[in-house]
Amino acid sequence: MKSPARPHASPSLEARQVSKSFLSGMVRVHVLQSLSIDIYGGELTLISGPSGCGKSTLLSLLSGLQSPDAGQAWALGEDLGTMTKRQLEHFRLQHTGFVFQGFNLFAALTAHEQVQLPLGYLGLDKRRSAALALQALDEVGMAHRAGAYPAQMSGGEKQRVAIARALAKEPQLLFADEPTSALDAENGQKIIDILHRIARNHGTTVLCVSHDPRLVRHADRVLTMEDGLIRNDWQSAGTPLSAVPTAVSA
């Protein structure tokens, strides 16, 4: 069930007429084409589509990791295009969490240490950061593996630790790029369930990029992309919010 406040809520993420292209050899490839979209808190929004359709680029623009060639992107009401590199880094540290396909764990750190590490950058003392790290591990079902190293974990366990690391600082925005592509069906299901629960329980804006068809039926909203455009915008019940036009500004 969607939050009844959503129709009147301000979007957590906004893109207005964003375009992005990259030079491949002598050819300029247009990855995003004047795309506009709003993303809301308390929902798991999935961007789906084939490889090369622009979904990861859109996630990068909305998270401030890249800048558009044209158009504007906002996060939590802040115009990302007006921020300096240092301001963007500070914004991401304070407000965002990231989960990637490759887990990005440190081989020499235990699960607890992996999650605790970024909390130190927020200025938390060791006792507080240790408690928050254990709490985050417990939320993803990994508290009993707090002392395990990455080499002792399965792929699913590694991804749950990565989610706990992102979750520990209680971000308002959580970005997940292909979080299940390296996992089997069972572990992939666990990961998407955790992301969905984070959105509902914490009111977090969870934006997930994936071409994994298993994720579609578990998302609150599915944006289907093709050739740099949003072709369909579906809510969880399977009813289209829009079929092409309203999600894309020409």
C-alpha atoms as a PDB file:
ATOM      1  CA  MET A   1       0.000   0.000   0.000  1.00  0.00           C
ATOM      2  CA  LYS A   2       1.340   3.420  -0.912  1.00  0.00           C
ATOM      3  CA  SER A   3       1.611   6.222   1.594  1.00  0.00           C
ATOM      4  CA  PRO A   4      -1.526   8.360   1.426  1.00  0.00           C
ATOM      5  CA  ALA A   5       0.659  11.433   1.774  1.00  0.00           C
ATOM      6  CA  ARG A   6       2.512  10.798  -1.455  1.00  0.00           C
ATOM      7  CA  PRO A   7       0.276  12.800  -3.850  1.00  0.00           C
ATOM      8  CA  HIS A   8       0.985  15.910  -1.780  1.00  0.00           C
ATOM      9  CA  ALA A   9       4.562  15.106  -0.799  1.00  0.00           C
ATOM     10  CA  SER A  10       7.609  16.754  -2.306  1.00  0.00           C
ATOM     11  CA  PRO A  11       9.760  14.401  -4.366  1.00  0.00           C
ATOM     12  CA  SER A  12      13.053  13.349  -2.825  1.00  0.00           C
ATOM     13  CA  LEU A  13      14.736  13.147  -6.236  1.00  0.00           C
ATOM     14  CA  GLU A  14      13.950  15.169  -9.327  1.00  0.00           C
ATOM     15  CA  ALA A  15      15.282  15.294 -12.854  1.00  0.00           C
ATOM     16  CA  ARG A  16      14.211  17.997 -15.303  1.00  0.00           C
ATOM     17  CA  GLN A  17      15.058  17.712 -18.983  1.00  0.00           C
ATOM     18  CA  VAL A  18      18.357  15.944 -18.238  1.00  0.00           C
ATOM     19  CA  SER A  19      20.500  14.811 -21.145  1.00  0.00           C
ATOM     20  CA  LYS A  20      23.797  12.953 -21.104  1.00  0.00           C
ATOM     21  CA  SER A  21      26.055  11.697 -23.857  1.00  0.00           C
ATOM     22  CA  PHE A  22      29.447  10.029 -24.045  1.00  0.00           C
ATOM     23  CA  LEU A  23      32.068   9.888 -26.763  1.00  0.00           C
ATOM     24  CA  SER A  24      32.765   6.333 -27.956  1.00  0.00           C
ATOM     25  CA  GLY A  25      35.647   6.541 -30.404  1.00  0.00           C
ATOM     26  CA  MET A  26      34.484   9.004 -33.043  1.00  0.00           C
ATOM     27  CA  VAL A  27      30.795   8.548 -32.231  1.00  0.00           C
ATOM     28  CA  ARG A  28      28.821  10.470 -29.627  1.00  0.00           C
ATOM     29  CA  VAL A  29      26.315   8.201 -27.904  1.00  0.00           C
ATOM     30  CA  HIS A  30      23.255   9.910 -26.407  1.00  0.00           C
ATOM     31  CA  VAL A  31      22.516   7.983 -23.219  1.00  0.00           C
ATOM     32  CA  LEU A  32      19.758  10.196 -21.765  1.00  0.00           C
ATOM     33  CA  GLN A  33      17.502  12.417 -23.848  1.00  0.00           C
ATOM     34  CA  SER A  34      15.653  15.302 -22.159  1.00  0.00           C
ATOM     35  CA  LEU A  35      14.346  13.063 -19.396  1.00  0.00           C
ATOM     36  CA  SER A  36      12.204  14.283 -16.480  1.00  0.00           C
ATOM     37  CA  ILE A  37      11.097  12.271 -13.448  1.00  0.00           C
ATOM     38  CA  ASP A  38      10.156  12.582  -9.752  1.00  0.00           C
ATOM     39  CA  ILE A  39      11.052   9.925  -7.143  1.00  0.00           C
ATOM     40  CA  TYR A  40       9.384   9.791  -3.709  1.00  0.00           C
ATOM     41  CA  GLY A  41      10.359   8.702  -0.221  1.00  0.00           C
ATOM     42  CA  GLY A  42       9.095   5.559   1.465  1.00  0.00           C
ATOM     43  CA  GLU A  43       9.108   3.629  -1.806  1.00  0.00           C
ATOM     44  CA  LEU A  44      11.346   1.169  -3.602  1.00  0.00           C
ATOM     45  CA  THR A  45      11.579   2.516  -7.136  1.00  0.00           C
ATOM     46  CA  LEU A  46      13.103   0.213  -9.728  1.00  0.00           C
ATOM     47  CA  ILE A  47      14.644   1.440 -12.968  1.00  0.00           C
ATOM     48  CA  SER A  48      14.539  -1.498 -15.354  1.00  0.00           C
ATOM     49  CA  GLY A  49      15.684  -2.000 -18.905  1.00  0.00           C
ATOM     50  CA  PRO A  50      18.332  -3.602 -21.119  1.00  0.00           C
ATOM     51  CA  SER A  51      22.045  -2.921 -20.780  1.00  0.00           C
ATOM     52  CA  GLY A  52      22.991   0.431 -22.253  1.00  0.00           C
ATOM     53  CA  CYS A  53      19.525   1.981 -21.934  1.00  0.00           C
ATOM     54  CA  GLY A  54      20.738   4.715 -19.565  1.00  0.00           C
ATOM     55  CA  LYS A  55      19.460   3.457 -16.222  1.00  0.00           C
ATOM     56  CA  SER A  56      22.814   3.501 -14.397  1.00  0.00           C
ATOM     57  CA  THR A  57      23.571   6.918 -15.863  1.00  0.00           C
ATOM     58  CA  LEU A  58      20.276   8.249 -14.509  1.00  0.00           C
ATOM     59  CA  LEU A  59      21.126   6.875 -11.066  1.00  0.00           C
ATOM     60  CA  SER A  60      24.545   8.561 -11.257  1.00  0.00           C
ATOM     61  CA  LEU A  61      22.993  11.917 -12.129  1.00  0.00           C
ATOM     62  CA  LEU A  62      20.400  11.732  -9.351  1.00  0.00           C
ATOM     63  CA  SER A  63      23.069  10.801  -6.795  1.00  0.00           C
ATOM     64  CA  GLY A  64      25.443  13.546  -7.895  1.00  0.00           C
ATOM     65  CA  LEU A  65      28.154  11.160  -9.075  1.00  0.00           C
ATOM     66  CA  GLN A  66      27.888  12.658 -12.571  1.00  0.00           C
ATOM     67  CA  SER A  67      26.594  15.929 -13.985  1.00  0.00           C
ATOM     68  CA  PRO A  68      24.145  16.174 -16.889  1.00  0.00           C
ATOM     69  CA  ASP A  69      25.131  17.828 -20.150  1.00  0.00           C
ATOM     70  CA  ALA A  70      21.851  19.709 -19.990  1.00  0.00           C
ATOM     71  CA  GLY A  71      18.966  19.961 -17.554  1.00  0.00           C
ATOM     72  CA  GLN A  72      18.903  19.873 -13.754  1.00  0.00           C
ATOM     73  CA  ALA A  73      18.868  17.266 -11.005  1.00  0.00           C
ATOM     74  CA  TRP A  74      17.711  17.839  -7.412  1.00  0.00           C
ATOM     75  CA  ALA A  75      18.111  15.687  -4.318  1.00  0.00           C
ATOM     76  CA  LEU A  76      16.215  16.529  -1.117  1.00  0.00           C
ATOM     77  CA  GLY A  77      15.406  19.921  -2.596  1.00  0.00           C
ATOM     78  CA  GLU A  78      19.050  20.745  -3.316  1.00  0.00           C
ATOM     79  CA  ASP A  79      20.163  21.602  -6.847  1.00  0.00           C
ATOM     80  CA  LEU A  80      23.075  19.210  -7.377  1.00  0.00           C
ATOM     81  CA  GLY A  81      24.377  21.274 -10.276  1.00  0.00           C
ATOM     82  CA  THR A  82      25.140  24.264  -8.048  1.00  0.00           C
ATOM     83  CA  MET A  83      27.284  22.294  -5.591  1.00  0.00           C
ATOM     84  CA  THR A  84      31.063  22.167  -5.626  1.00  0.00           C
ATOM     85  CA  LYS A  85      32.830  18.811  -5.589  1.00  0.00           C
ATOM     86  CA  ARG A  86      33.434  19.136  -1.844  1.00  0.00           C
ATOM     87  CA  GLN A  87      29.810  20.075  -1.192  1.00  0.00           C
ATOM     88  CA  LEU A  88      28.632  17.057  -3.187  1.00  0.00           C
ATOM     89  CA  GLU A  89      30.924  14.764  -1.198  1.00  0.00           C
ATOM     90  CA  HIS A  90      29.579  16.193   2.060  1.00  0.00           C
ATOM     91  CA  PHE A  91      25.986  15.832   0.849  1.00  0.00           C
ATOM     92  CA  ARG A  92      26.508  12.181  -0.083  1.00  0.00           C
ATOM     93  CA  LEU A  93      28.216  11.460   3.242  1.00  0.00           C
ATOM     94  CA  GLN A  94      25.361  12.990   5.220  1.00  0.00           C
ATOM     95  CA  HIS A  95      22.338  11.886   3.226  1.00  0.00           C
ATOM     96  CA  THR A  96      23.042   8.966   0.891  1.00  0.00           C
ATOM     97  CA  GLY A  97      23.964   5.297   0.945  1.00  0.00           C
ATOM     98  CA  PHE A  98      25.180   3.181  -1.966  1.00  0.00           C
ATOM     99  CA  VAL A  99      24.950  -0.545  -2.690  1.00  0.00           C
ATOM    100  CA  PHE A 100      26.793  -1.949  -5.698  1.00  0.00           C
ATOM    101  CA  GLN A 101      26.939  -5.209  -7.614  1.00  0.00           C
ATOM    102  CA  GLY A 102      30.515  -5.914  -6.495  1.00  0.00           C
ATOM    103  CA  PHE A 103      29.909  -5.510  -2.722  1.00  0.00           C
ATOM    104  CA  ASN A 104      33.045  -3.319  -2.291  1.00  0.00           C
ATOM    105  CA  LEU A 105      34.075  -4.872   1.022  1.00  0.00           C
ATOM    106  CA  PHE A 106      37.575  -4.699   2.526  1.00  0.00           C
ATOM    107  CA  ALA A 107      39.211  -8.122   2.771  1.00  0.00           C
ATOM    108  CA  ALA A 108      40.937  -7.351   6.078  1.00  0.00           C
ATOM    109  CA  LEU A 109      37.851  -6.082   7.936  1.00  0.00           C
ATOM    110  CA  THR A 110      35.137  -8.059   9.706  1.00  0.00           C
ATOM    111  CA  ALA A 111      31.470  -7.469   8.884  1.00  0.00           C
ATOM    112  CA  HIS A 112      31.147  -5.277  11.972  1.00  0.00           C
ATOM    113  CA  GLU A 113      34.217  -3.239  11.045  1.00  0.00           C
ATOM    114  CA  GLN A 114      32.965  -2.803   7.456  1.00  0.00           C
ATOM    115  CA  VAL A 115      29.751  -1.232   8.720  1.00  0.00           C
ATOM    116  CA  GLN A 116      31.389   0.806  11.475  1.00  0.00           C
ATOM    117  CA  LEU A 117      34.062   2.366   9.254  1.00  0.00           C
ATOM    118  CA  PRO A 118      32.012   5.050   7.436  1.00  0.00           C
ATOM    119  CA  LEU A 119      30.344   6.098  10.692  1.00  0.00           C
ATOM    120  CA  GLY A 120      33.702   7.402  11.863  1.00  0.00           C
ATOM    121  CA  TYR A 121      33.654   9.901   8.985  1.00  0.00           C
ATOM    122  CA  LEU A 122      30.466  11.334  10.494  1.00  0.00           C
ATOM    123  CA  GLY A 123      32.334  12.107  13.715  1.00  0.00           C
ATOM    124  CA  LEU A 124      30.692   9.428  15.867  1.00  0.00           C
ATOM    125  CA  ASP A 125      32.722   7.998  18.738  1.00  0.00           C
ATOM    126  CA  LYS A 126      33.682   4.314  18.682  1.00  0.00           C
ATOM    127  CA  ARG A 127      31.091   3.196  21.214  1.00  0.00           C
ATOM    128  CA  ARG A 128      28.221   4.856  19.351  1.00  0.00           C
ATOM    129  CA  SER A 129      29.407   3.736  15.917  1.00  0.00           C
ATOM    130  CA  ALA A 130      29.893   0.161  17.157  1.00  0.00           C
ATOM    131  CA  ALA A 131      26.332   0.071  18.482  1.00  0.00           C
ATOM    132  CA  LEU A 132      24.853   1.493  15.274  1.00  0.00           C
ATOM    133  CA  ALA A 133      26.875  -0.944  13.173  1.00  0.00           C
ATOM    134  CA  LEU A 134      25.606  -3.922  15.134  1.00  0.00           C
ATOM    135  CA  GLN A 135      22.056  -2.595  14.924  1.00  0.00           C
ATOM    136  CA  ALA A 136      22.319  -2.310  11.125  1.00  0.00           C
ATOM    137  CA  LEU A 137      23.756  -5.817  10.847  1.00  0.00           C
ATOM    138  CA  ASP A 138      20.878  -7.115  12.938  1.00  0.00           C
ATOM    139  CA  GLU A 139      18.352  -5.434  10.655  1.00  0.00           C
ATOM    140  CA  VAL A 140      19.695  -7.332   7.640  1.00  0.00           C
ATOM    141  CA  GLY A 141      20.007 -10.610   9.540  1.00  0.00           C
ATOM    142  CA  MET A 142      23.795 -10.554   9.849  1.00  0.00           C
ATOM    143  CA  ALA A 143      24.409  -9.765  13.535  1.00  0.00           C
ATOM    144  CA  HIS A 144      25.438 -13.389  14.138  1.00  0.00           C
ATOM    145  CA  ARG A 145      28.148 -12.975  11.465  1.00  0.00           C
ATOM    146  CA  ALA A 146      29.557  -9.709  12.810  1.00  0.00           C
ATOM    147  CA  GLY A 147      33.028 -11.226  13.278  1.00  0.00           C
ATOM    148  CA  ALA A 148      33.213 -12.844   9.826  1.00  0.00           C
ATOM    149  CA  TYR A 149      35.573 -11.678   7.080  1.00  0.00           C
ATOM    150  CA  PRO A 150      34.493 -11.401   3.417  1.00  0.00           C
ATOM    151  CA  ALA A 151      36.360 -14.596   2.487  1.00  0.00           C
ATOM    152  CA  GLN A 152      34.161 -16.454   4.986  1.00  0.00           C
ATOM    153  CA  MET A 153      30.879 -15.112   3.582  1.00  0.00           C
ATOM    154  CA  SER A 154      28.614 -16.147   0.737  1.00  0.00           C
ATOM    155  CA  GLY A 155      27.684 -13.634  -1.961  1.00  0.00           C
ATOM    156  CA  GLY A 156      24.333 -13.012  -0.332  1.00  0.00           C
ATOM    157  CA  GLU A 157      25.947 -12.388   3.037  1.00  0.00           C
ATOM    158  CA  LYS A 158      28.425  -9.950   1.509  1.00  0.00           C
ATOM    159  CA  GLN A 159      25.609  -7.987  -0.083  1.00  0.00           C
ATOM    160  CA  ARG A 160      23.689  -7.869   3.186  1.00  0.00           C
ATOM    161  CA  VAL A 161      26.782  -6.464   4.916  1.00  0.00           C
ATOM    162  CA  ALA A 162      27.080  -3.889   2.125  1.00  0.00           C
ATOM    163  CA  ILE A 163      23.447  -2.881   2.700  1.00  0.00           C
ATOM    164  CA  ALA A 164      24.045  -2.670   6.459  1.00  0.00           C
ATOM    165  CA  ARG A 165      27.018  -0.386   5.817  1.00  0.00           C
ATOM    166  CA  ALA A 166      24.808   1.908   3.731  1.00  0.00           C
ATOM    167  CA  LEU A 167      21.948   1.711   6.235  1.00  0.00           C
ATOM    168  CA  ALA A 168      23.938   2.362   9.429  1.00  0.00           C
ATOM    169  CA  LYS A 169      24.126   6.122   8.958  1.00  0.00           C
ATOM    170  CA  GLU A 170      20.355   6.246   8.361  1.00  0.00           C
ATOM    171  CA  PRO A 171      20.474   7.840   4.896  1.00  0.00           C
ATOM    172  CA  GLN A 172      17.450   9.548   3.410  1.00  0.00           C
ATOM    173  CA  LEU A 173      18.486   8.318  -0.031  1.00  0.00           C
ATOM    174  CA  LEU A 174      19.654   4.790  -0.830  1.00  0.00           C
ATOM    175  CA  PHE A 175      20.977   3.969  -4.299  1.00  0.00           C
ATOM    176  CA  ALA A 176      21.406   0.355  -5.406  1.00  0.00           C
ATOM    177  CA  ASP A 177      23.069  -0.471  -8.733  1.00  0.00           C
ATOM    178  CA  GLU A 178      22.439  -4.069  -9.876  1.00  0.00           C
ATOM    179  CA  PRO A 179      22.369  -5.369  -6.267  1.00  0.00           C
ATOM    180  CA  THR A 180      21.171  -8.884  -7.183  1.00  0.00           C
ATOM    181  CA  SER A 181      22.919  -9.599 -10.476  1.00  0.00           C
ATOM    182  CA  ALA A 182      25.732 -11.594  -8.848  1.00  0.00           C
ATOM    183  CA  LEU A 183      23.365 -13.612  -6.654  1.00  0.00           C
ATOM    184  CA  ASP A 184      21.229 -16.718  -7.053  1.00  0.00           C
ATOM    185  CA  ALA A 185      17.442 -16.534  -6.910  1.00  0.00           C
ATOM    186  CA  GLU A 186      17.141 -17.156  -3.164  1.00  0.00           C
ATOM    187  CA  ASN A 187      19.721 -14.580  -2.136  1.00  0.00           C
ATOM    188  CA  GLY A 188      18.461 -12.102  -4.710  1.00  0.00           C
ATOM    189  CA  GLN A 189      15.007 -12.403  -3.168  1.00  0.00           C
ATOM    190  CA  LYS A 190      16.411 -11.708   0.314  1.00  0.00           C
ATOM    191  CA  ILE A 191      18.191  -8.584  -0.908  1.00  0.00           C
ATOM    192  CA  ILE A 192      15.155  -7.074  -2.605  1.00  0.00           C
ATOM    193  CA  ASP A 193      13.016  -7.853   0.460  1.00  0.00           C
ATOM    194  CA  ILE A 194      15.531  -6.014   2.664  1.00  0.00           C
ATOM    195  CA  LEU A 195      15.590  -2.979   0.361  1.00  0.00           C
ATOM    196  CA  HIS A 196      11.793  -2.907   0.288  1.00  0.00           C
ATOM    197  CA  ARG A 197      11.626  -3.110   4.080  1.00  0.00           C
ATOM    198  CA  ILE A 198      14.117  -0.252   4.442  1.00  0.00           C
ATOM    199  CA  ALA A 199      11.950   1.969   2.257  1.00  0.00           C
ATOM    200  CA  ARG A 200       8.792   1.158   4.228  1.00  0.00           C
ATOM    201  CA  ASN A 201      10.193   1.133   7.773  1.00  0.00           C
ATOM    202  CA  HIS A 202      12.558   4.094   7.500  1.00  0.00           C
ATOM    203  CA  GLY A 203      10.737   6.224   4.938  1.00  0.00           C
ATOM    204  CA  THR A 204      13.899   6.036   2.830  1.00  0.00           C
ATOM    205  CA  THR A 205      13.928   6.813  -0.863  1.00  0.00           C
ATOM    206  CA  VAL A 206      15.320   3.597  -2.369  1.00  0.00           C
ATOM    207  CA  LEU A 207      16.270   3.846  -6.041  1.00  0.00           C
ATOM    208  CA  CYS A 208      17.374   0.553  -7.538  1.00  0.00           C
ATOM    209  CA  VAL A 209      18.774  -0.069 -11.009  1.00  0.00           C
ATOM    210  CA  SER A 210      18.508  -3.588 -12.401  1.00  0.00           C
ATOM    211  CA  HIS A 211      17.707  -5.617 -15.493  1.00  0.00           C
ATOM    212  CA  ASP A 212      16.775  -8.559 -13.231  1.00  0.00           C
ATOM    213  CA  PRO A 213      13.099  -9.399 -14.005  1.00  0.00           C
ATOM    214  CA  ARG A 214      12.686 -10.967 -10.531  1.00  0.00           C
ATOM    215  CA  LEU A 215      12.736  -7.520  -8.947  1.00  0.00           C
ATOM    216  CA  VAL A 216       9.830  -6.074 -10.901  1.00  0.00           C
ATOM    217  CA  ARG A 217       7.015  -7.608  -8.858  1.00  0.00           C
ATOM    218  CA  HIS A 218       8.614  -6.544  -5.553  1.00  0.00           C
ATOM    219  CA  ALA A 219       9.039  -2.838  -6.341  1.00  0.00           C
ATOM    220  CA  ASP A 220       6.531  -0.143  -5.417  1.00  0.00           C
ATOM    221  CA  ARG A 221       7.171   1.531  -8.734  1.00  0.00           C
ATOM    222  CA  VAL A 222       8.876   0.390 -11.927  1.00  0.00           C
ATOM    223  CA  LEU A 223      10.342   2.769 -14.496  1.00  0.00           C
ATOM    224  CA  THR A 224      11.106   0.957 -17.742  1.00  0.00           C
ATOM    225  CA  MET A 225      13.834   2.599 -19.820  1.00  0.00           C
ATOM    226  CA  GLU A 226      14.868   2.164 -23.407  1.00  0.00           C
ATOM    227  CA  ASP A 227      17.178   4.282 -25.578  1.00  0.00           C
ATOM    228  CA  GLY A 228      17.621   6.940 -22.909  1.00  0.00           C
ATOM    229  CA  LEU A 229      13.910   7.464 -22.359  1.00  0.00           C
ATOM    230  CA  ILE A 230      11.373   6.260 -19.800  1.00  0.00           C
ATOM    231  CA  ARG A 231       8.916   4.168 -21.785  1.00  0.00           C
ATOM    232  CA  ASN A 232       6.602   3.097 -18.942  1.00  0.00           C
ATOM    233  CA  ASP A 233       5.974   4.098 -15.341  1.00  0.00           C
ATOM    234  CA  TRP A 234       4.168   1.410 -13.321  1.00  0.00           C
ATOM    235  CA  GLN A 235       2.972   1.316  -9.734  1.00  0.00           C
ATOM    236  CA  SER A 236       3.193  -1.893  -7.698  1.00  0.00           C
ATOM    237  CA  ALA A 237      -0.368  -2.991  -8.386  1.00  0.00           C
ATOM    238  CA  GLY A 238       0.480  -3.269 -12.060  1.00  0.00           C
ATOM    239  CA  THR A 239      -1.506  -0.180 -13.097  1.00  0.00           C
ATOM    240  CA  PRO A 240       0.466   2.182 -15.322  1.00  0.00           C
ATOM    241  CA  LEU A 241       1.009   5.613 -13.792  1.00  0.00           C
ATOM    242  CA  SER A 242       1.932   6.738 -17.273  1.00  0.00           C
ATOM    243  CA  ALA A 243       2.736   5.119 -20.567  1.00  0.00           C
ATOM    244  CA  VAL A 244       5.600   7.150 -21.973  1.00  0.00           C
ATOM    245  CA  PRO A 245       4.456  10.802 -22.179  1.00  0.00           C
ATOM    246  CA  THR A 246       4.246  12.117 -18.602  1.00  0.00           C
ATOM    247  CA  ALA A 247       7.543  10.617 -17.462  1.00  0.00           C
ATOM    248  CA  VAL A 248       9.442  12.097 -20.384  1.00  0.00           C
ATOM    249  CA  SER A 249       9.407  15.713 -21.366  1.00  0.00           C
ATOM    250  CA  ALA A 250       9.918  16.171 -25.053  1.00  0.00           C
END
